Structures are given as structure tokens and as C-alpha cells.
Protein backbone atom coordinates (compact mmCIF):
# COMPACT_ATOMS: atom_id res chain seq x y z
CA UNK A 1 -0.06 -0.10 -0.17
CA UNK A 2 1.18 3.65 -1.23
CA UNK A 3 2.58 5.59 1.86
CA UNK A 4 4.41 9.11 2.23
CA UNK A 5 4.17 12.36 0.95
CA UNK A 6 3.69 11.17 -2.85
CA UNK A 7 0.59 9.03 -1.68
CA UNK A 8 -2.41 9.61 -4.20
CA UNK A 9 -5.93 10.09 -2.96
CA UNK A 10 -9.11 8.27 -4.42
CA UNK A 11 -12.41 9.17 -4.65
CA UNK A 12 -13.68 5.59 -3.72
CA UNK A 13 -14.18 1.88 -4.86
CA UNK A 14 -13.35 1.84 -8.56
CA UNK A 15 -16.09 -0.87 -9.77
CA UNK A 16 -16.42 -0.31 -13.32
CA UNK A 17 -14.59 -2.18 -15.97
CA UNK A 18 -12.78 -0.01 -18.16
CA UNK A 19 -13.67 0.16 -22.01
CA UNK A 20 -10.29 0.60 -23.19
CA UNK A 21 -8.87 -2.39 -24.91
CA UNK A 22 -5.50 -3.04 -24.59
CA UNK A 23 -3.13 -4.50 -27.11
CA UNK A 24 -2.24 -8.51 -26.89
CA UNK A 25 0.44 -8.40 -24.18
CA UNK A 26 -0.29 -5.28 -22.75
CA UNK A 27 -1.63 -4.53 -19.20
CA UNK A 28 -3.03 -2.12 -17.30
CA UNK A 29 -1.06 -0.27 -14.77
CA UNK A 30 -0.70 -1.68 -11.31
CA UNK A 31 -1.55 1.06 -8.70
CA UNK A 32 1.37 -0.35 -6.72
CA UNK A 33 3.93 0.09 -9.12
CA UNK A 34 6.50 3.12 -8.42
CA UNK A 35 8.64 5.06 -10.22
CA UNK A 36 11.73 6.11 -8.02
CA UNK A 37 12.23 9.36 -6.77
CA UNK A 38 15.97 9.20 -7.09
CA UNK A 39 17.74 7.56 -10.08
CA UNK A 40 21.01 7.20 -8.43
CA UNK A 41 21.71 3.95 -6.98
CA UNK A 42 23.80 5.06 -3.69
CA UNK A 43 20.84 7.07 -2.14
CA UNK A 44 18.38 4.14 -2.83
CA UNK A 45 20.79 1.59 -1.64
CA UNK A 46 21.31 3.42 1.69
CA UNK A 47 17.75 4.04 2.26
CA UNK A 48 16.90 0.01 2.08
CA UNK A 49 19.36 -0.46 4.17
CA UNK A 50 18.12 1.77 6.86
CA UNK A 51 14.84 -0.68 6.62
CA UNK A 52 12.86 2.19 4.83
CA UNK A 53 11.28 1.72 1.30
CA UNK A 54 12.61 4.49 -1.10
CA UNK A 55 10.43 7.18 -2.31
CA UNK A 56 8.63 7.04 -5.47
CA UNK A 57 5.47 8.46 -7.71
CA UNK A 58 2.62 6.28 -8.22
CA UNK A 59 3.01 5.75 -12.77
CA UNK A 60 0.31 7.27 -15.01
CA UNK A 61 -1.99 5.29 -17.07
CA UNK A 62 -4.78 3.24 -17.93
CA UNK A 63 -6.40 1.09 -15.02
CA UNK A 64 -8.00 -1.91 -15.51
CA UNK A 65 -11.39 -0.69 -13.22
CA UNK A 66 -12.71 2.80 -13.03
CA UNK A 67 -14.54 4.71 -10.52
CA UNK A 68 -17.04 6.79 -13.04
CA UNK A 69 -19.22 5.60 -15.17
CA UNK A 70 -18.56 7.10 -18.24
CA UNK A 71 -22.07 7.62 -19.89
CA UNK A 72 -23.20 9.52 -16.94
CA UNK A 73 -20.12 11.34 -15.88
CA UNK A 74 -19.54 15.07 -16.94
CA UNK A 75 -16.26 16.76 -17.13
CA UNK A 76 -14.99 20.62 -17.48
CA UNK A 77 -11.54 21.91 -18.33
CA UNK A 78 -10.28 25.31 -17.20
CA UNK A 79 -6.93 26.95 -18.23
CA UNK A 80 -5.53 29.73 -16.04
CA UNK A 81 -2.29 31.84 -15.92
CA UNK A 82 -0.37 33.04 -18.57
CA UNK A 83 -0.38 31.98 -22.17
CA UNK A 84 2.38 29.43 -23.21
CA UNK A 85 2.33 26.97 -26.25
CA UNK A 86 0.19 23.94 -26.29
CA UNK A 87 -2.57 24.63 -23.90
CA UNK A 88 -5.12 24.21 -27.03
CA UNK A 89 -3.32 20.62 -27.44
CA UNK A 90 -3.90 19.56 -24.17
CA UNK A 91 -7.90 20.98 -24.15
CA UNK A 92 -8.08 18.99 -27.51
CA UNK A 93 -6.48 15.91 -26.45
CA UNK A 94 -8.69 15.55 -23.20
CA UNK A 95 -11.66 15.64 -25.12
CA UNK A 96 -10.57 13.09 -27.82
CA UNK A 97 -9.60 10.74 -25.01
CA UNK A 98 -12.76 11.39 -23.16
CA UNK A 99 -14.96 11.03 -26.26
CA UNK A 100 -13.48 8.16 -27.97
CA UNK A 101 -11.46 6.33 -25.46
CA UNK A 102 -14.01 6.51 -22.32
CA UNK A 103 -17.53 7.15 -24.14
CA UNK A 104 -17.74 10.10 -22.12
CA UNK A 105 -19.66 12.49 -24.16
CA UNK A 106 -20.65 15.50 -21.53
CA UNK A 107 -17.68 17.77 -21.64
CA UNK A 108 -17.91 21.44 -20.99
CA UNK A 109 -15.20 24.44 -21.00
CA UNK A 110 -14.97 27.17 -18.87
CA UNK A 111 -13.95 30.27 -19.99
CA UNK A 112 -11.71 32.68 -18.28
CA UNK A 113 -10.03 30.89 -15.86
CA UNK A 114 -11.28 29.98 -12.26
CA UNK A 115 -12.98 33.07 -12.62
CA UNK A 116 -15.63 31.07 -14.82
CA UNK A 117 -16.86 29.42 -12.02
CA UNK A 118 -17.66 32.50 -10.33
CA UNK A 119 -21.83 32.51 -9.32
CA UNK A 120 -22.47 35.38 -12.30
CA UNK A 121 -19.70 33.51 -14.90
CA UNK A 122 -20.26 33.18 -18.32
CA UNK A 123 -22.44 29.97 -19.67
CA UNK A 124 -19.75 27.14 -20.15
CA UNK A 125 -18.73 25.94 -23.53
CA UNK A 126 -19.77 22.75 -24.83
CA UNK A 127 -16.83 20.81 -26.15
CA UNK A 128 -16.79 17.80 -28.73
CA UNK A 129 -14.35 16.32 -31.28
CA UNK A 130 -15.88 18.49 -33.94
CA UNK A 131 -14.96 21.68 -31.70
CA UNK A 132 -11.81 20.82 -31.10
CA UNK A 133 -10.21 19.01 -34.07
CA UNK A 134 -8.05 21.79 -35.80
CA UNK A 135 -7.44 23.84 -31.92
CA UNK A 136 -3.93 22.35 -31.33
CA UNK A 137 -2.32 23.95 -34.60
CA UNK A 138 -3.12 27.79 -32.91
CA UNK A 139 -1.89 29.13 -30.14
CA UNK A 140 -3.50 30.68 -26.86
CA UNK A 141 -6.47 28.77 -25.30
CA UNK A 142 -10.26 28.43 -26.95
CA UNK A 143 -11.72 29.20 -23.33
CA UNK A 144 -9.30 32.02 -22.47
CA UNK A 145 -7.77 32.26 -19.30
CA UNK A 146 -7.20 34.79 -16.53
CA UNK A 147 -5.40 35.34 -13.15
CA UNK A 148 -6.90 35.58 -9.65
CA UNK A 149 -10.31 33.57 -8.33
CA UNK A 150 -13.62 33.32 -6.77
CA UNK A 151 -13.42 31.66 -3.14
CA UNK A 152 -12.77 28.33 -3.10
CA UNK A 153 -16.28 27.68 -1.62
CA UNK A 154 -17.77 29.57 -4.50
CA UNK A 155 -15.82 27.33 -7.22
CA UNK A 156 -17.16 24.44 -5.32
CA UNK A 157 -20.60 25.86 -4.84
CA UNK A 158 -20.58 26.18 -8.97
CA UNK A 159 -19.14 22.84 -9.53
CA UNK A 160 -21.57 20.85 -7.49
CA UNK A 161 -24.49 22.96 -8.74
CA UNK A 162 -23.20 22.24 -12.53
CA UNK A 163 -22.98 18.69 -11.37
CA UNK A 164 -19.57 18.20 -12.54
CA UNK A 165 -17.66 15.18 -11.85
CA UNK A 166 -14.34 15.86 -12.90
CA UNK A 167 -12.56 19.23 -13.18
CA UNK A 168 -9.21 19.26 -15.19
CA UNK A 169 -7.28 22.35 -14.56
CA UNK A 170 -4.37 23.53 -17.13
CA UNK A 171 -2.08 26.26 -15.16
CA UNK A 172 1.00 26.76 -13.42
CA UNK A 173 1.82 27.10 -9.78
CA UNK A 174 -0.99 29.34 -8.93
CA UNK A 175 -3.22 27.28 -10.71
CA UNK A 176 -1.95 24.25 -8.73
CA UNK A 177 -2.32 25.91 -5.61
CA UNK A 178 -6.09 26.65 -6.33
CA UNK A 179 -6.60 23.11 -7.29
CA UNK A 180 -5.02 21.87 -4.20
CA UNK A 181 -7.66 24.42 -2.34
CA UNK A 182 -10.54 23.12 -4.46
CA UNK A 183 -9.93 19.57 -3.96
CA UNK A 184 -9.54 20.29 -0.10
CA UNK A 185 -12.78 21.96 -0.18
CA UNK A 186 -14.34 19.15 -1.87
CA UNK A 187 -13.27 16.57 0.40
CA UNK A 188 -14.42 18.78 3.40
CA UNK A 189 -17.74 18.37 1.79
CA UNK A 190 -17.79 14.65 1.17
CA UNK A 191 -18.38 15.17 -3.04
CA UNK A 192 -17.16 12.73 -5.19
CA UNK A 193 -15.57 15.42 -7.59
CA UNK A 194 -12.19 14.31 -9.19
CA UNK A 195 -9.57 17.21 -9.38
CA UNK A 196 -6.54 16.38 -11.64
CA UNK A 197 -4.25 19.31 -12.87
CA UNK A 198 -1.83 19.40 -16.45
CA UNK A 199 1.19 21.61 -15.75
CA UNK A 200 1.69 24.25 -17.82
CA UNK A 201 4.15 27.24 -17.09
CA UNK A 202 6.44 28.74 -19.74
CA UNK A 203 9.29 29.08 -17.54
CA UNK A 204 9.59 25.31 -16.41
CA UNK A 205 9.39 25.67 -12.50
CA UNK A 206 6.85 23.45 -11.14
CA UNK A 207 8.39 20.84 -8.75
CA UNK A 208 8.64 17.25 -9.66
CA UNK A 209 7.95 18.16 -13.08
CA UNK A 210 11.01 17.45 -15.66
CA UNK A 211 9.23 19.74 -18.34
CA UNK A 212 6.00 21.66 -18.09
CA UNK A 213 3.45 22.23 -21.48
CA UNK A 214 4.84 24.15 -24.08
CA UNK A 215 8.88 24.69 -22.46
CA UNK A 216 10.39 23.08 -25.41
CA UNK A 217 8.44 25.15 -27.90
CA UNK A 218 9.60 28.44 -25.77
CA UNK A 219 13.16 27.31 -26.12
CA UNK A 220 12.90 26.70 -29.81
CA UNK A 221 11.41 30.28 -30.24
CA UNK A 222 13.96 31.90 -27.67
CA UNK A 223 16.59 30.46 -29.81
CA UNK A 224 15.54 31.98 -32.68
CA UNK A 225 15.65 35.67 -30.80
CA UNK A 226 19.25 34.90 -29.82
CA UNK A 227 20.03 33.99 -33.36
CA UNK A 228 18.76 37.80 -34.55
CA UNK A 229 20.61 39.15 -31.62
CA UNK A 230 23.81 37.62 -33.12
CA UNK A 231 23.38 38.29 -36.60
CA UNK A 232 22.57 42.05 -35.21
CA UNK A 233 25.43 42.32 -32.95
CA UNK A 234 27.95 40.82 -36.06
CA UNK A 235 26.57 43.50 -38.37
CA UNK A 236 28.23 46.40 -37.06
CA UNK A 237 31.70 46.98 -34.99
CA UNK A 238 31.10 46.75 -31.43
CA UNK A 239 27.76 45.46 -31.71
CA UNK A 240 25.73 43.92 -28.69
CA UNK A 241 23.00 41.84 -28.90
CA UNK A 242 20.78 41.92 -25.94
CA UNK A 243 18.00 39.71 -25.30
CA UNK A 244 15.39 39.65 -22.60
CA UNK A 245 13.88 36.10 -21.92
CA UNK A 246 10.76 34.86 -19.81
CA UNK A 247 11.98 33.38 -16.13
CA UNK A 248 10.67 35.16 -12.97
CA UNK A 249 12.24 33.00 -10.67
CA UNK A 250 13.75 30.37 -12.74
CA UNK A 251 16.26 31.17 -15.48
CA UNK A 252 15.16 27.53 -17.56
CA UNK A 253 14.38 29.20 -21.05
CA UNK A 254 17.27 31.71 -20.79
CA UNK A 255 19.94 28.80 -19.65
CA UNK A 256 18.08 25.90 -22.30
CA UNK A 257 18.14 28.48 -25.44
CA UNK A 258 21.46 29.39 -24.83
CA UNK A 259 22.86 26.15 -25.13
CA UNK A 260 20.74 25.22 -28.03
CA UNK A 261 21.55 28.37 -29.89
CA UNK A 262 25.36 27.99 -29.24
CA UNK A 263 25.85 32.23 -29.64
CA UNK A 264 25.53 33.79 -26.42
CA UNK A 265 28.72 35.04 -24.32
CA UNK A 266 26.44 35.94 -20.99
CA UNK A 267 23.67 34.15 -20.08
CA UNK A 268 22.09 36.20 -16.70
CA UNK A 269 19.26 34.04 -14.67
CA UNK A 270 17.61 34.91 -11.10
CA UNK A 271 19.23 32.19 -9.56
CA UNK A 272 23.07 33.45 -9.80
CA UNK A 273 23.71 37.10 -9.04
CA UNK A 274 25.99 39.19 -11.09
CA UNK A 275 27.57 42.67 -10.92
CA UNK A 276 27.99 45.35 -13.39
CA UNK A 277 30.87 47.00 -11.99
CA UNK A 278 34.50 46.28 -11.00
CA UNK A 279 36.96 43.76 -11.69
CA UNK A 280 35.73 40.62 -12.98
CA UNK A 281 32.08 42.50 -13.66
CA UNK A 282 29.68 42.54 -16.40
CA UNK A 283 30.79 45.50 -18.08
CA UNK A 284 34.69 44.62 -17.91
CA UNK A 285 34.15 41.27 -19.22
CA UNK A 286 32.01 42.59 -21.98
CA UNK A 287 34.71 45.32 -22.99
CA UNK A 288 36.98 42.42 -23.09
CA UNK A 289 34.78 40.28 -25.61
CA UNK A 290 34.59 43.43 -27.62
CA UNK A 291 38.12 44.40 -27.76
CA UNK A 292 38.89 40.58 -28.85
CA UNK A 293 35.91 39.95 -31.36
CA UNK A 294 34.26 43.17 -31.52
CA UNK A 295 30.69 41.76 -31.05
CA UNK A 296 28.62 40.02 -28.34
CA UNK A 297 25.80 38.62 -27.17
CA UNK A 298 23.71 38.82 -23.76
CA UNK A 299 20.70 36.94 -22.78
CA UNK A 300 18.87 37.87 -19.51
CA UNK A 301 16.08 36.32 -17.71
CA UNK A 302 13.71 38.56 -17.03
CA UNK A 303 13.88 37.95 -13.31
CA UNK A 304 17.66 38.26 -13.01
CA UNK A 305 19.11 41.20 -11.43
CA UNK A 306 16.33 42.74 -9.65
CA UNK A 307 18.31 43.25 -6.68
CA UNK A 308 19.98 46.69 -9.14
CA UNK A 309 16.24 48.33 -8.32
CA UNK A 310 16.84 49.04 -4.57
CA UNK A 311 13.71 47.22 -3.68
CA UNK A 312 11.22 49.10 -5.97
CA UNK A 313 8.24 46.62 -6.46
CA UNK A 314 5.62 46.95 -9.11
CA UNK A 315 1.93 45.93 -8.18
CA UNK A 316 0.99 42.61 -7.90
CA UNK A 317 -1.43 40.97 -10.21
CA UNK A 318 -4.62 39.10 -9.54
CA UNK A 319 -2.48 35.84 -8.76
CA UNK A 320 0.00 37.88 -6.30
CA UNK A 321 2.57 37.78 -8.52
CA UNK A 322 4.55 40.98 -8.01
CA UNK A 323 5.59 42.86 -11.13
CA UNK A 324 9.34 42.75 -12.26
CA UNK A 325 11.37 45.56 -12.99
CA UNK A 326 12.48 45.75 -16.33
CA UNK A 327 15.93 43.98 -16.43
CA UNK A 328 16.69 44.41 -20.34
CA UNK A 329 15.91 48.18 -20.77
CA UNK A 330 18.12 48.43 -17.49
CA UNK A 331 20.97 46.94 -18.96
CA UNK A 332 20.67 48.36 -22.17
CA UNK A 333 20.99 51.94 -20.42
CA UNK A 334 23.83 50.91 -18.06
CA UNK A 335 25.65 49.49 -20.87
CA UNK A 336 25.29 52.66 -23.24
CA UNK A 337 26.28 54.99 -20.61
CA UNK A 338 29.06 52.93 -19.95
CA UNK A 339 30.81 52.89 -23.16
CA UNK A 340 29.78 56.41 -23.94
CA UNK A 341 32.50 57.21 -20.77
CA UNK A 342 34.69 54.62 -22.28
CA UNK A 343 34.14 56.42 -26.17
CA UNK A 344 33.51 53.29 -27.43
CA UNK A 345 30.52 53.42 -30.02
CA UNK A 346 29.15 50.50 -29.15
CA UNK A 347 25.65 49.57 -30.83
CA UNK A 348 23.19 47.78 -28.69
CA UNK A 349 20.48 45.90 -30.22
CA UNK A 350 17.53 45.07 -27.88
CA UNK A 351 15.28 42.38 -28.29
CA UNK A 352 12.23 41.20 -26.17
CA UNK A 353 10.47 38.04 -27.63
CA UNK A 354 8.36 37.41 -24.63
CA UNK A 355 4.77 37.79 -25.49
CA UNK A 356 5.51 36.35 -29.27
CA UNK A 357 7.18 33.33 -27.68
CA UNK A 358 3.92 32.85 -25.34
CA UNK A 359 1.28 32.75 -28.09
CA UNK A 360 2.95 30.35 -30.20
CA UNK A 361 1.54 26.88 -31.36
CA UNK A 362 3.23 24.25 -29.96
CA UNK A 363 5.85 22.23 -32.37
CA UNK A 364 5.86 18.78 -32.65
CA UNK A 365 7.67 17.33 -29.89
CA UNK A 366 5.41 19.65 -27.63
CA UNK A 367 1.91 18.33 -29.42
CA UNK A 368 3.12 14.99 -28.36
CA UNK A 369 4.00 16.21 -24.65
CA UNK A 370 0.74 17.63 -24.41
CA UNK A 371 -1.33 14.40 -25.90
CA UNK A 372 0.63 12.55 -23.49
CA UNK A 373 -0.35 14.40 -20.51
CA UNK A 374 -3.90 14.74 -21.32
CA UNK A 375 -4.55 11.00 -21.89
CA UNK A 376 -2.72 10.53 -19.05
CA UNK A 377 -4.66 12.86 -17.36
CA UNK A 378 -7.97 11.21 -18.01
CA UNK A 379 -7.15 8.11 -17.13
CA UNK A 380 -6.21 9.32 -13.70
CA UNK A 381 -9.67 11.08 -13.63
CA UNK A 382 -11.79 8.35 -14.74
CA UNK A 383 -9.95 5.97 -12.13
CA UNK A 384 -11.13 8.46 -9.60
CA UNK A 385 -7.79 9.70 -8.59
CA UNK A 386 -7.72 12.97 -7.45
CA UNK A 387 -5.81 16.12 -6.10
CA UNK A 388 -3.12 15.25 -8.37
CA UNK A 389 -1.12 16.26 -11.56
CA UNK A 390 0.32 14.80 -14.09
CA UNK A 391 4.07 14.58 -13.92
CA UNK A 392 6.65 13.67 -16.15
CA UNK A 393 9.80 12.03 -14.21
CA UNK A 394 13.29 9.95 -15.73
CA UNK A 395 11.35 9.44 -19.10
CA UNK A 396 7.92 8.56 -17.71
CA UNK A 397 4.14 10.11 -16.83
CA UNK A 398 3.80 10.01 -13.23
CA UNK A 399 1.43 11.34 -10.81
CA UNK A 400 2.31 14.12 -8.01
CA UNK A 401 0.08 14.93 -5.50
CA UNK A 402 -0.72 19.00 -6.18
CA UNK A 403 -0.40 19.09 -1.89
CA UNK A 404 3.58 18.85 -2.50
CA UNK A 405 4.16 21.39 -4.46
CA UNK A 406 3.23 24.03 -1.60
CA UNK A 407 5.59 26.66 -0.87
CA UNK A 408 8.43 24.85 -3.26
CA UNK A 409 9.80 26.07 -6.59
CA UNK A 410 11.65 24.60 -9.15
CA UNK A 411 14.74 26.36 -9.87
CA UNK A 412 18.41 26.15 -11.62
CA UNK A 413 21.21 24.68 -9.29
CA UNK A 414 23.93 26.68 -9.70
CA UNK A 415 26.13 23.72 -8.73
CA UNK A 416 24.45 21.71 -11.38
CA UNK A 417 24.99 20.23 -14.74
CA UNK A 418 22.34 22.62 -16.53
CA UNK A 419 24.30 25.59 -15.21
CA UNK A 420 28.02 24.17 -15.65
CA UNK A 421 27.05 23.37 -19.32
CA UNK A 422 25.76 26.87 -19.69
CA UNK A 423 29.39 28.41 -18.54
CA UNK A 424 31.27 26.00 -20.67
CA UNK A 425 29.49 27.28 -23.75
CA UNK A 426 29.39 31.05 -23.02
CA UNK A 427 32.90 30.82 -21.43
CA UNK A 428 31.71 33.31 -18.66
CA UNK A 429 33.42 32.78 -15.07
CA UNK A 430 31.39 30.95 -12.52
CA UNK A 431 31.02 34.54 -10.67
CA UNK A 432 30.17 37.95 -12.95
CA UNK A 433 32.02 40.58 -10.11
């Protein structure tokens, strides 16, 4: 029997046989099978020697028996937070899986995030194969999105009023916090409503999930922006290409796009502090680079260097996210000032492709990933599992309790392999300044 922090909750006994037909030789997923949290031999061996069972995730996939009776089941989908590539692909995948694999024909879309579950919200959108068949080729979300939400009580009242059996939430950390709170309220009322989430955040910063919806497409598009910056920088003497990419608290897009493109000379992320002035500061290193090669490319995540603004804070959005100061404009102005004093005629070309990246349709790899997430979300929900998100760990789909995400973020480890790879490629020192 599963125990520990990764335990997945169920609505009750699964009494119905799954309508899914397996291929010859295939079996349904066993609830007791686990994917180890740590893939390394030494910690696993030490845990076993101590008499404990190594931690592991429940594996996603179809179960032989399901909790909900498909023809009588009503499912809803909601998309929350900022846009990113692949949201429509997930919506489509959920609808197709419910409709064709589970014969569940009552599927609705909730308009404009959790706000669509307010008492005075717009009517739900009916979702069926004909209405979603081509939506994966477009960016954004056909359901619309928003930040913030009505009270948890009001949301659960709405789910109960509309006789929703399953709610699929597609979103980032704020959405996951909301989904966890919704499940706790449902449990308090002893309702039989499943809450299953799909991790969507362009920053790729949800814990226990190696990759979120749209991240690979975001890296691909960000790489194009870095390429453009490189072309601009090499087109003039002493050219500097400066690219600001998304990444409030985690620099995954900046780091991965830097590696994918290969032209960046400096990568600045929130996890690694840097200085502008002084020996080995960014300006001195940039001057050395321009003297040697007469061009340079800088990639900065939006959350990098926020300490340069002396604690100045912008207003918070409806999800509680504090508005960041613009590190891209700041760096452009400071670089211009520094080299003007040096009488060096630098030309800085600044590119911020953030909203272009967010609104792109998913590329082929992300389409495949979104389809797998959607399929496994439906398998979990129909089996009566709840309070979870579908994760991706060591190449396999998993179930992760949303409760374990609270007060946790996934960030780049400055002593880890990813950042080491970035340092090797750019040639920048481990510490700038």
C-alpha cells in the first residue's frame, strides 16, 4: 500500500470495468507500481539498508477498473494564468480521450480561468471533437484565461451546482495551489469530484515535473531571438545583441535557449547573482569580449538582477505575482552609459520576444507531450484519482499530489550540470563580479 508524501488520494472504490481495450501482451497499470524519485543507486541503497522504502511516484496510465461510469460522467476543463504554447493541444487531447476512449460525451469548457466558476460567470462552452479538432494548430487557449479566482467555496458551489464530476485544471503554480485548495474543500464536503491538473508554465518551474507544457517550443522560439541578436551584433563594429527572455524566478528558458543556440556570450539568470561594475564585473568582461571579437550577445531572464532596483516593487497581479522591474531596458541603458564614458561606439540591439513566444502554437515534440499529458490526465480522473497533477519524471508519466507543491519552486542549481554546461558554452566565469 502506498504511503508517504507522494500518496495519491482516491474518491472511492473503482467498480466499473475500463472500456479501454489493450493490445495483446499489454497490461493495465498496477496501482502499487512506483517510479523511484531518485534514479541514483547510492541513495536508494542507503534507504533500503536503513529499513525504509525508497520514495517513488505512482505511475500514470489506464487502470483495469474505473470509478466513474462514463455515460453518466460530466467533465470540465479550465485554463488559468499566462499563455504558453500547447494549451489548446491539451484541451483537444482531453476531449478526444474522454470522447473516443471512455465514451464520455458530456464535456464542457470553463471560460476565462477560475473566474468562469463564479456565481455570475459566462455560460460554459460545450466541447466535442468537431469543436476541437484543429485547435492544436493555434496558440493561446480557446477557453480564454485569467489570473485570480473567486473564493474556493464559490468555486466548489459552482462545480456542485453544474454537476461536474471531473475538473481538469491547466496552469502553473498558482493554478496548482488553487486546485489543491479546491480539492480540500471538496473533501471537506464529502463530494465525489475529481480534480486533476496538467502542469502549464512557460518558466518550467513546477517541482517534481521535468518539463511543463510548451517549454520546448518556448526554447525553440527563444533560440531564434538569440540568433537574430547575434546577426545584429555581428553586422556592425562593436555590436551588442541583448535578449530578454521569460523567467521570473527560474532561468530555464534563458539557460536552455543559450545552449540550443550557441551564440550567447553571457547568460544572466535569477538564480545566479552578478555585478555590473568592478573587476570581473559584466561591463569589464563585455569590454574584453568586444576588444577581442568586436561583438557580443547577452541573454537575460526577466527575473535576473532585480536587486539593482533597490527593492523597488511594482504592483501585484490577481494571482499575487509581483511585477518585475525591466532588467532588459535597465541593462541596455547602463551598457550605453558605460561605453559612452569609454568613448567606445557600441551599438546595442535589444530584443524582447516574450509575448511572441507565449502565443506560439506548440511544435511537434510539444504536441506529442501535450497529447500524453492529456491522455494520462483522463486515465487518472476516470479511475477516481484526485488532488494530483500529471508529472513527467525520468522519461515516464507520473501522478504527483498537488499538496506537495506548496511553498516549493523548481530552480536551476548553480552547482548543477545545466548551469555548468552554460558556463562551458558561453565562457563566462562562474561569478560575474
